[in-house]
Amino acid sequence: MTDQTAIAFASNLSGARKAFSLYPPTHPRHEDSLNTLLIAARNATAAGPFTMNVRLGRLYRDSAVLPDDAPGLRSLATCLAAHQVESITFFPGLAEHDLAELIEVLGLCPGPTVDVAAELQARGVVVISVQRLVDETIEEAEERERRRAQDHALYSRLVGALRQLVAQTNESGAPDLTGAATIVESMLGRFMEDSAAVLGLATNRSATEADLYHALNTMIYSLGIGSGLGLSPERLTGLGVAALMHDIGKVAFDRSDARVQERLRLMHPRIGAEILARVSEGDRLAMLVAYEHHMGPDGRGWPMSEPGFVPHPYSRIVAVADRYDRLTMPAPEGAELTPDRAVVQLLRETQGTLDVTLTRVFVREMGVFPVGCMVRLSDLSVGIVCAPGRDPLQPKLRLVYGPDGLTAAQEADLDLDGSDLSIVEIVQPDDLRETVSEHL
């Protein structure tokens, strides 16, 4: 078999994958692409079994590399690599059913639980043999998925705990700050292990419980600033409790009544401080932050203060975290900015409403492309920033779509992979109907 026969088969397999993703089974392009692929497959296996290997993002016929500038070969290699396929062998006797099932399996969202060989066997395909890449990369990917599921379960539990805390505050008139500290310590422990993973959790949103999610996310971002300042775990816990409680004054208002929105905006700091003043034990930092977090760095915000008044550093930290979450929050609660634009807006607001130094610390911790930023790469693939890189312009990504526009599920470090890929633009997740938090 010549290399051209192998290239033709690989190109037609890639083309059939795209046709299956774009057209319904009844469309002529769907059937035509499958027929063309079947002819190419029979040519490739005319002299016996035909094996394609995948190594370092390239396709090989046995040990001969296939040119990745041929149509569809690069996208096919990316797809097989995402499914952890090391080699795939096609035997004589291939039928349309076998190839159609292969295309359907390769169209599944890749992940540690998707085994191409097992899927084909379950579908009755016996003339295609797949060897899965088995090394520590798969083990690491499986561990990442387990850890990710645990992180999201932790976030959900803490939302539930915060929901109960707010309900208890409504009933008794005073919050349980011991319960608030437990929430903070649960998240802080994970933050100290993997701050990027916790920052990824702060992309979670809720249309029905926006206040709860905002409180938890403001706490996470505040921990990021505090960590960047080198605060001790004890001080971080105190900061986290204050951040979690910063909007507690809003429980006094009926959020469904549009007529009270301006009163809520102006009065919730004072009411929050009054609620927190009822707590009999513990420090008063939470009360102070609730009262001061809208005052601005020079005390010129609200509530009114004496000339020259300077709010507590924790109040100024929470103000930055609160503002960033509001900027990235969906409308109508927030400004719905992409993370990179929200960072730029924060820097603009240091001219009057935000502390310059603390904002810069936050921006430094978040990076040029903050966690949660969806980006398009120079090869047209799309990913979401999951952690900063050593180079601020080359973060770590979780790929969502490959260069061919088909789904991908793998991580890429633009700095360490030695690739020539670069970020060319920021993508609005809504444009692709994607929810960032589902990938982080």
Protein backbone atom coordinates (compact mmCIF):
# COMPACT_ATOMS: atom_id res chain seq x y z
CA MET A 1 0.00 0.00 0.00
CA THR A 2 1.33 3.43 -0.92
CA ASP A 3 1.40 6.48 1.32
CA GLN A 4 -1.11 8.10 -1.02
CA THR A 5 -3.59 5.29 -0.31
CA ALA A 6 -3.11 5.80 3.43
CA ILE A 7 -3.43 9.59 3.06
CA ALA A 8 -6.62 9.20 1.02
CA PHE A 9 -8.14 6.94 3.65
CA ALA A 10 -7.20 9.25 6.54
CA SER A 11 -8.47 12.33 4.67
CA ASN A 12 -11.76 10.64 3.86
CA LEU A 13 -12.19 9.47 7.45
CA SER A 14 -11.67 13.05 8.63
CA GLY A 15 -14.11 14.33 5.99
CA ALA A 16 -16.73 11.79 6.96
CA ARG A 17 -16.44 12.84 10.62
CA LYS A 18 -17.14 16.42 9.63
CA ALA A 19 -20.07 15.44 7.40
CA PHE A 20 -21.61 13.34 10.18
CA SER A 21 -21.37 16.29 12.56
CA LEU A 22 -22.91 18.77 10.09
CA TYR A 23 -25.60 16.79 8.28
CA PRO A 24 -28.42 14.46 9.41
CA PRO A 25 -28.31 10.78 8.34
CA THR A 26 -30.90 11.44 5.61
CA HIS A 27 -28.81 14.12 3.91
CA PRO A 28 -27.01 13.11 0.67
CA ARG A 29 -23.66 14.42 1.96
CA HIS A 30 -23.92 12.04 4.89
CA GLU A 31 -24.30 8.97 2.65
CA ASP A 32 -21.84 10.20 0.00
CA SER A 33 -19.07 10.73 2.56
CA LEU A 34 -19.62 7.23 3.97
CA ASN A 35 -19.53 5.61 0.50
CA THR A 36 -16.34 7.47 -0.39
CA LEU A 37 -14.76 6.40 2.88
CA LEU A 38 -15.73 2.77 2.31
CA ILE A 39 -13.99 2.77 -1.09
CA ALA A 40 -10.86 4.33 0.46
CA ALA A 41 -10.96 1.78 3.30
CA ARG A 42 -11.16 -1.16 0.93
CA ASN A 43 -8.24 0.21 -1.08
CA ALA A 44 -6.22 0.65 2.12
CA THR A 45 -6.91 -2.95 3.26
CA ALA A 46 -6.64 -4.61 -0.14
CA ALA A 47 -3.27 -6.11 0.70
CA GLY A 48 -4.11 -6.90 4.34
CA PRO A 49 -4.62 -5.09 7.65
CA PHE A 50 -3.82 -1.37 7.65
CA THR A 51 -2.54 0.30 10.86
CA MET A 52 -2.38 4.00 11.68
CA ASN A 53 -0.32 5.10 14.67
CA VAL A 54 -0.58 8.38 16.58
CA ARG A 55 2.50 9.91 18.15
CA LEU A 56 3.08 13.48 19.29
CA GLY A 57 0.10 14.76 17.37
CA ARG A 58 1.13 13.16 14.04
CA LEU A 59 -0.29 10.24 12.07
CA TYR A 60 1.91 7.36 10.89
CA ARG A 61 1.34 4.44 8.52
CA ASP A 62 3.22 1.86 10.49
CA SER A 63 6.47 3.83 11.05
CA ALA A 64 6.16 6.26 8.10
CA VAL A 65 4.85 9.71 9.03
CA LEU A 66 1.91 11.03 7.00
CA PRO A 67 2.11 14.72 6.00
CA ASP A 68 -0.11 16.82 8.28
CA ASP A 69 -0.67 19.37 5.52
CA ALA A 70 -2.89 16.85 3.70
CA PRO A 71 -6.60 17.70 4.09
CA GLY A 72 -8.01 16.59 7.42
CA LEU A 73 -4.96 14.72 8.73
CA ARG A 74 -4.13 17.18 11.49
CA SER A 75 -7.71 17.25 12.79
CA LEU A 76 -7.89 13.43 12.69
CA ALA A 77 -4.64 13.15 14.64
CA THR A 78 -6.00 15.64 17.20
CA CYS A 79 -9.22 13.64 17.54
CA LEU A 80 -7.45 10.31 18.01
CA ALA A 81 -5.01 11.82 20.50
CA ALA A 82 -7.90 13.33 22.47
CA HIS A 83 -9.42 9.83 22.70
CA GLN A 84 -6.04 8.47 23.88
CA VAL A 85 -5.75 6.24 20.79
CA GLU A 86 -2.19 5.00 20.23
CA SER A 87 -2.94 2.91 17.13
CA ILE A 88 -5.94 1.82 15.10
CA THR A 89 -5.94 -1.18 12.74
CA PHE A 90 -8.44 -1.80 9.93
CA PHE A 91 -8.93 -5.35 8.65
CA PRO A 92 -10.23 -6.55 5.26
CA GLY A 93 -13.98 -6.96 5.16
CA LEU A 94 -14.89 -3.49 6.39
CA ALA A 95 -18.55 -2.58 5.85
CA GLU A 96 -20.49 0.69 6.03
CA HIS A 97 -21.79 -0.26 9.48
CA ASP A 98 -18.26 -0.59 10.89
CA LEU A 99 -17.14 2.78 9.57
CA ALA A 100 -20.35 4.55 10.63
CA GLU A 101 -19.98 3.21 14.17
CA LEU A 102 -16.33 4.32 14.29
CA ILE A 103 -17.30 7.83 13.25
CA GLU A 104 -20.07 7.93 15.87
CA VAL A 105 -17.66 6.79 18.59
CA LEU A 106 -15.01 9.34 17.59
CA GLY A 107 -17.76 11.98 17.79
CA LEU A 108 -18.30 11.28 21.50
CA CYS A 109 -16.89 13.86 23.88
CA PRO A 110 -13.42 12.53 24.82
CA GLY A 111 -12.70 11.78 28.43
CA PRO A 112 -11.25 9.18 30.79
CA THR A 113 -14.54 7.22 30.76
CA VAL A 114 -14.73 6.93 26.95
CA ASP A 115 -12.82 3.87 25.69
CA VAL A 116 -12.95 3.73 21.88
CA ALA A 117 -12.07 0.02 21.75
CA ALA A 118 -14.77 -0.91 24.28
CA GLU A 119 -17.35 1.26 22.52
CA LEU A 120 -16.65 -0.39 19.15
CA GLN A 121 -16.82 -3.84 20.67
CA ALA A 122 -20.16 -3.03 22.31
CA ARG A 123 -21.48 -1.91 18.90
CA GLY A 124 -20.50 -5.18 17.24
CA VAL A 125 -17.48 -3.88 15.31
CA VAL A 126 -14.86 -6.64 15.02
CA VAL A 127 -12.84 -5.54 11.97
CA ILE A 128 -11.39 -2.42 13.64
CA SER A 129 -8.90 -2.85 16.46
CA VAL A 130 -7.88 0.03 18.72
CA GLN A 131 -4.94 0.20 21.08
CA ARG A 132 -5.40 2.79 23.78
CA LEU A 133 -2.48 4.80 25.06
CA VAL A 134 -1.88 3.62 28.60
CA ASP A 135 0.53 5.74 30.60
CA GLU A 136 0.51 8.15 33.49
CA THR A 137 -1.14 10.79 31.29
CA ILE A 138 -4.41 8.84 31.36
CA GLU A 139 -4.09 8.28 35.09
CA GLU A 140 -3.50 11.97 35.58
CA ALA A 141 -6.50 12.83 33.38
CA GLU A 142 -8.71 10.45 35.33
CA GLU A 143 -7.48 11.93 38.59
CA ARG A 144 -8.18 15.45 37.30
CA GLU A 145 -11.74 14.46 36.42
CA ARG A 146 -12.26 12.88 39.85
CA ARG A 147 -10.83 15.96 41.54
CA ARG A 148 -12.95 18.24 39.38
CA ALA A 149 -16.12 16.34 40.31
CA GLN A 150 -15.16 16.56 43.98
CA ASP A 151 -14.53 20.30 43.68
CA HIS A 152 -17.94 20.92 42.13
CA ALA A 153 -19.56 18.78 44.82
CA LEU A 154 -17.76 20.87 47.45
CA TYR A 155 -19.00 24.09 45.84
CA SER A 156 -22.59 22.76 45.79
CA ARG A 157 -22.37 21.73 49.44
CA LEU A 158 -21.11 25.16 50.42
CA VAL A 159 -23.91 26.86 48.48
CA GLY A 160 -26.32 24.70 50.49
CA ALA A 161 -24.61 25.61 53.77
CA LEU A 162 -24.73 29.29 52.86
CA ARG A 163 -28.41 28.95 51.96
CA GLN A 164 -29.10 27.57 55.44
CA LEU A 165 -27.01 30.30 57.05
CA VAL A 166 -28.99 33.03 55.27
CA ALA A 167 -32.29 31.37 56.23
CA GLN A 168 -31.17 31.20 59.84
CA THR A 169 -30.22 34.89 59.71
CA ASN A 170 -33.71 35.74 58.44
CA GLU A 171 -35.27 33.79 61.31
CA SER A 172 -33.06 34.86 64.20
CA GLY A 173 -31.83 38.23 63.00
CA ALA A 174 -28.16 37.29 63.52
CA PRO A 175 -25.91 35.04 61.41
CA ASP A 176 -23.86 32.13 62.71
CA LEU A 177 -20.30 33.27 62.00
CA THR A 178 -18.98 29.92 63.22
CA GLY A 179 -20.91 28.32 60.38
CA ALA A 180 -19.54 30.94 57.99
CA ALA A 181 -15.99 30.16 59.13
CA THR A 182 -16.61 26.45 58.44
CA ILE A 183 -17.64 27.31 54.88
CA VAL A 184 -14.54 29.44 54.39
CA GLU A 185 -12.17 26.88 55.88
CA SER A 186 -13.59 24.15 53.63
CA MET A 187 -12.85 26.22 50.55
CA LEU A 188 -9.57 27.62 51.88
CA GLY A 189 -8.14 24.13 52.36
CA ARG A 190 -8.74 23.33 48.70
CA PHE A 191 -7.52 26.80 47.65
CA MET A 192 -4.16 26.18 49.32
CA GLU A 193 -3.85 22.91 47.35
CA ASP A 194 -4.89 24.23 43.94
CA SER A 195 -5.85 27.90 43.72
CA ALA A 196 -6.51 27.71 39.96
CA ALA A 197 -9.10 24.95 40.44
CA VAL A 198 -10.91 27.03 43.07
CA LEU A 199 -10.81 30.15 40.88
CA GLY A 200 -12.40 28.00 38.20
CA LEU A 201 -15.26 27.22 40.60
CA ALA A 202 -15.95 30.95 40.87
CA THR A 203 -17.24 30.85 37.28
CA ASN A 204 -20.36 29.05 38.56
CA ARG A 205 -23.55 31.10 38.24
CA SER A 206 -27.21 30.77 39.16
CA ALA A 207 -30.15 32.68 37.76
CA THR A 208 -32.30 31.90 40.80
CA GLU A 209 -29.76 32.23 43.62
CA ALA A 210 -27.44 34.90 42.27
CA ASP A 211 -26.79 36.41 45.73
CA LEU A 212 -25.57 33.11 47.20
CA TYR A 213 -23.23 32.41 44.30
CA HIS A 214 -21.99 36.01 44.35
CA ALA A 215 -21.16 35.78 48.05
CA LEU A 216 -19.24 32.54 47.59
CA ASN A 217 -17.40 33.80 44.50
CA THR A 218 -16.50 37.10 46.19
CA MET A 219 -15.05 35.05 49.02
CA ILE A 220 -12.96 33.01 46.56
CA TYR A 221 -11.59 36.10 44.80
CA SER A 222 -10.87 37.74 48.17
CA LEU A 223 -8.84 34.68 49.18
CA GLY A 224 -6.89 35.12 45.94
CA ILE A 225 -5.97 38.69 46.85
CA GLY A 226 -5.19 37.77 50.44
CA SER A 227 -3.00 34.90 49.32
CA GLY A 228 -1.19 37.23 46.93
CA LEU A 229 -0.50 39.53 49.88
CA GLY A 230 0.93 36.63 51.88
CA LEU A 231 -1.72 36.58 54.62
CA SER A 232 -1.58 33.69 57.10
CA PRO A 233 -4.30 30.99 57.00
CA GLU A 234 -5.88 32.46 60.12
CA ARG A 235 -6.09 35.91 58.58
CA LEU A 236 -7.35 34.43 55.30
CA THR A 237 -10.17 32.76 57.22
CA GLY A 238 -11.15 36.09 58.78
CA LEU A 239 -11.01 37.77 55.39
CA GLY A 240 -13.06 34.97 53.85
CA VAL A 241 -15.80 35.25 56.49
CA ALA A 242 -15.99 39.01 55.96
CA ALA A 243 -16.22 38.54 52.19
CA LEU A 244 -18.89 35.85 52.54
CA MET A 245 -21.00 38.17 54.72
CA HIS A 246 -20.38 41.43 52.86
CA ASP A 247 -23.89 41.63 51.35
CA ILE A 248 -25.81 40.10 54.28
CA GLY A 249 -27.76 43.36 54.60
CA LYS A 250 -29.68 42.47 51.44
CA VAL A 251 -31.69 39.84 53.34
CA ALA A 252 -33.81 42.70 54.71
CA PHE A 253 -35.19 43.52 51.25
CA ASP A 254 -37.66 41.86 48.90
CA ARG A 255 -35.45 41.32 45.85
CA SER A 256 -38.47 40.73 43.63
CA ASP A 257 -39.76 44.28 44.20
CA ALA A 258 -38.11 46.57 41.62
CA ARG A 259 -39.16 49.63 43.61
CA VAL A 260 -36.74 48.88 46.46
CA GLN A 261 -33.60 48.39 44.33
CA GLU A 262 -32.15 51.85 44.94
CA ARG A 263 -32.85 51.67 48.67
CA LEU A 264 -31.24 48.22 48.73
CA ARG A 265 -28.13 49.52 46.98
CA LEU A 266 -27.67 52.45 49.35
CA MET A 267 -28.79 50.87 52.61
CA HIS A 268 -27.56 47.28 52.56
CA PRO A 269 -24.09 48.18 53.93
CA ARG A 270 -25.57 49.87 57.01
CA ILE A 271 -28.18 47.16 57.56
CA GLY A 272 -25.54 44.44 57.09
CA ALA A 273 -23.36 46.03 59.74
CA GLU A 274 -26.34 46.21 62.11
CA ILE A 275 -27.10 42.52 61.56
CA LEU A 276 -23.48 41.50 62.15
CA ALA A 277 -23.27 43.73 65.25
CA ARG A 278 -25.77 41.36 66.89
CA VAL A 279 -23.25 38.53 66.89
CA SER A 280 -22.17 38.24 70.49
CA GLU A 281 -18.74 36.70 69.98
CA GLY A 282 -15.87 36.96 67.54
CA ASP A 283 -14.08 39.89 65.95
CA ARG A 284 -15.87 42.75 64.28
CA LEU A 285 -14.13 42.59 60.92
CA ALA A 286 -17.15 41.11 59.16
CA MET A 287 -19.31 43.97 60.48
CA LEU A 288 -16.72 46.51 59.40
CA VAL A 289 -16.40 45.09 55.87
CA ALA A 290 -20.17 44.91 55.42
CA TYR A 291 -20.35 48.61 56.31
CA GLU A 292 -17.32 49.81 54.33
CA HIS A 293 -17.10 47.74 51.14
CA HIS A 294 -18.78 50.45 49.00
CA MET A 295 -16.88 53.38 50.51
CA GLY A 296 -14.03 53.38 48.02
CA PRO A 297 -10.35 53.65 48.94
CA ASP A 298 -10.74 57.20 50.26
CA GLY A 299 -14.11 56.90 51.97
CA ARG A 300 -15.98 58.95 49.36
CA GLY A 301 -18.49 56.24 48.46
CA TRP A 302 -21.39 55.19 50.67
CA PRO A 303 -22.37 55.29 53.52
CA MET A 304 -21.03 58.81 54.02
CA SER A 305 -17.91 59.15 56.15
CA GLU A 306 -15.79 61.93 57.59
CA PRO A 307 -13.20 63.59 55.32
CA GLY A 308 -9.93 61.68 55.31
CA PHE A 309 -11.52 58.40 56.45
CA VAL A 310 -9.70 55.31 55.11
CA PRO A 311 -11.62 51.99 55.07
CA HIS A 312 -10.05 48.83 56.50
CA PRO A 313 -7.76 46.90 54.09
CA TYR A 314 -10.18 43.94 54.16
CA SER A 315 -12.99 46.24 53.05
CA ARG A 316 -10.89 47.40 50.13
CA ILE A 317 -9.96 43.81 49.23
CA VAL A 318 -13.60 42.72 49.23
CA ALA A 319 -14.52 45.77 47.14
CA VAL A 320 -12.17 44.58 44.37
CA ALA A 321 -13.39 40.97 44.56
CA ASP A 322 -17.03 42.07 44.65
CA ARG A 323 -16.57 44.33 41.64
CA TYR A 324 -14.82 41.69 39.52
CA ASP A 325 -17.57 39.15 40.14
CA ARG A 326 -20.22 41.76 39.28
CA LEU A 327 -18.42 42.67 36.06
CA THR A 328 -18.27 39.04 34.91
CA MET A 329 -21.77 38.13 36.12
CA PRO A 330 -24.50 37.70 33.47
CA ALA A 331 -27.01 40.51 32.98
CA PRO A 332 -29.15 41.87 34.54
CA GLU A 333 -27.25 41.33 37.80
CA GLY A 334 -23.86 41.99 36.21
CA ALA A 335 -22.07 43.59 33.29
CA GLU A 336 -21.40 40.25 31.51
CA LEU A 337 -17.82 41.15 30.55
CA THR A 338 -15.29 38.52 29.54
CA PRO A 339 -12.65 38.03 32.28
CA ASP A 340 -9.92 39.88 30.36
CA ARG A 341 -12.16 42.92 29.84
CA ALA A 342 -13.25 42.82 33.48
CA VAL A 343 -9.59 43.02 34.55
CA VAL A 344 -9.06 46.06 32.32
CA GLN A 345 -12.18 47.69 33.76
CA LEU A 346 -10.92 47.10 37.30
CA LEU A 347 -7.71 48.94 36.45
CA ARG A 348 -9.73 51.83 35.04
CA GLU A 349 -11.70 52.07 38.27
CA THR A 350 -8.57 52.51 40.37
CA GLN A 351 -8.90 56.16 39.38
CA GLY A 352 -11.61 56.60 41.98
CA THR A 353 -13.54 53.63 43.35
CA LEU A 354 -10.98 50.83 43.85
CA ASP A 355 -7.70 50.61 45.75
CA VAL A 356 -4.78 50.80 43.30
CA THR A 357 -2.39 48.46 45.10
CA LEU A 358 -4.95 45.78 45.94
CA THR A 359 -6.38 45.85 42.41
CA ARG A 360 -2.92 45.33 40.97
CA VAL A 361 -2.36 42.39 43.30
CA PHE A 362 -5.61 40.86 42.08
CA VAL A 363 -4.71 41.44 38.43
CA ARG A 364 -1.28 39.89 39.02
CA GLU A 365 -2.87 36.81 40.59
CA MET A 366 -5.46 36.46 37.81
CA GLY A 367 -3.08 37.06 34.88
CA VAL A 368 -3.52 38.62 31.45
CA PHE A 369 -5.95 35.82 30.57
CA PRO A 370 -7.77 35.03 33.82
CA VAL A 371 -9.07 31.58 34.69
CA GLY A 372 -12.38 31.14 32.89
CA CYS A 373 -11.36 33.15 29.83
CA MET A 374 -12.39 31.42 26.57
CA VAL A 375 -9.85 31.89 23.79
CA ARG A 376 -9.26 30.96 20.17
CA LEU A 377 -5.79 29.74 19.19
CA SER A 378 -3.80 30.28 16.02
CA ASP A 379 -4.82 26.83 14.73
CA LEU A 380 -8.52 27.80 15.22
CA SER A 381 -8.99 25.50 18.23
CA VAL A 382 -10.87 26.92 21.21
CA GLY A 383 -10.02 26.48 24.86
CA ILE A 384 -10.72 27.84 28.32
CA VAL A 385 -7.94 29.11 30.58
CA CYS A 386 -7.77 26.72 33.53
CA ALA A 387 -4.56 27.99 35.17
CA PRO A 388 -1.89 30.66 34.67
CA GLY A 389 1.30 29.70 32.86
CA ARG A 390 4.88 30.70 33.57
CA ASP A 391 4.51 33.19 30.74
CA PRO A 392 1.46 35.45 31.30
CA LEU A 393 0.67 35.23 27.58
CA GLN A 394 0.79 31.42 27.54
CA PRO A 395 -1.64 30.04 30.13
CA LYS A 396 -2.76 26.47 30.60
CA LEU A 397 -5.92 25.63 28.67
CA ARG A 398 -8.67 23.06 28.68
CA LEU A 399 -9.50 22.60 25.00
CA VAL A 400 -13.19 22.64 24.06
CA TYR A 401 -12.99 22.46 20.26
CA GLY A 402 -10.22 21.21 18.01
CA PRO A 403 -9.02 22.97 14.84
CA ASP A 404 -11.73 21.19 12.86
CA GLY A 405 -14.49 22.61 15.04
CA LEU A 406 -15.28 19.25 16.62
CA THR A 407 -15.34 18.72 20.36
CA ALA A 408 -12.10 18.11 22.21
CA ALA A 409 -11.36 17.34 25.83
CA GLN A 410 -7.70 17.67 26.69
CA GLU A 411 -5.37 20.07 28.42
CA ALA A 412 -2.70 22.14 26.74
CA ASP A 413 0.10 24.20 28.25
CA LEU A 414 1.10 26.76 25.63
CA ASP A 415 4.38 27.34 27.41
CA LEU A 416 5.50 23.79 28.16
CA ASP A 417 4.21 21.97 25.10
CA GLY A 418 6.82 23.62 22.91
CA SER A 419 4.18 24.39 20.33
CA ASP A 420 3.99 27.47 18.17
CA LEU A 421 0.34 27.99 19.08
CA SER A 422 -0.71 31.36 20.42
CA ILE A 423 -3.89 33.07 21.55
CA VAL A 424 -5.36 35.18 18.75
CA GLU A 425 -8.67 36.34 20.22
CA ILE A 426 -11.05 36.17 23.16
CA VAL A 427 -14.29 34.29 22.55
CA GLN A 428 -17.64 35.10 24.14
CA PRO A 429 -18.91 31.75 25.52
CA ASP A 430 -22.50 32.60 24.60
CA ASP A 431 -21.46 32.81 20.94
CA LEU A 432 -20.63 29.10 21.08
CA ARG A 433 -23.46 28.27 23.49
CA GLU A 434 -20.93 27.10 26.05
CA THR A 435 -21.01 27.38 29.84
CA VAL A 436 -17.49 27.94 31.13
CA SER A 437 -18.08 26.37 34.55
CA GLU A 438 -18.95 23.02 32.90
CA HIS A 439 -15.35 22.75 31.66
CA LEU A 440 -13.52 23.89 34.83
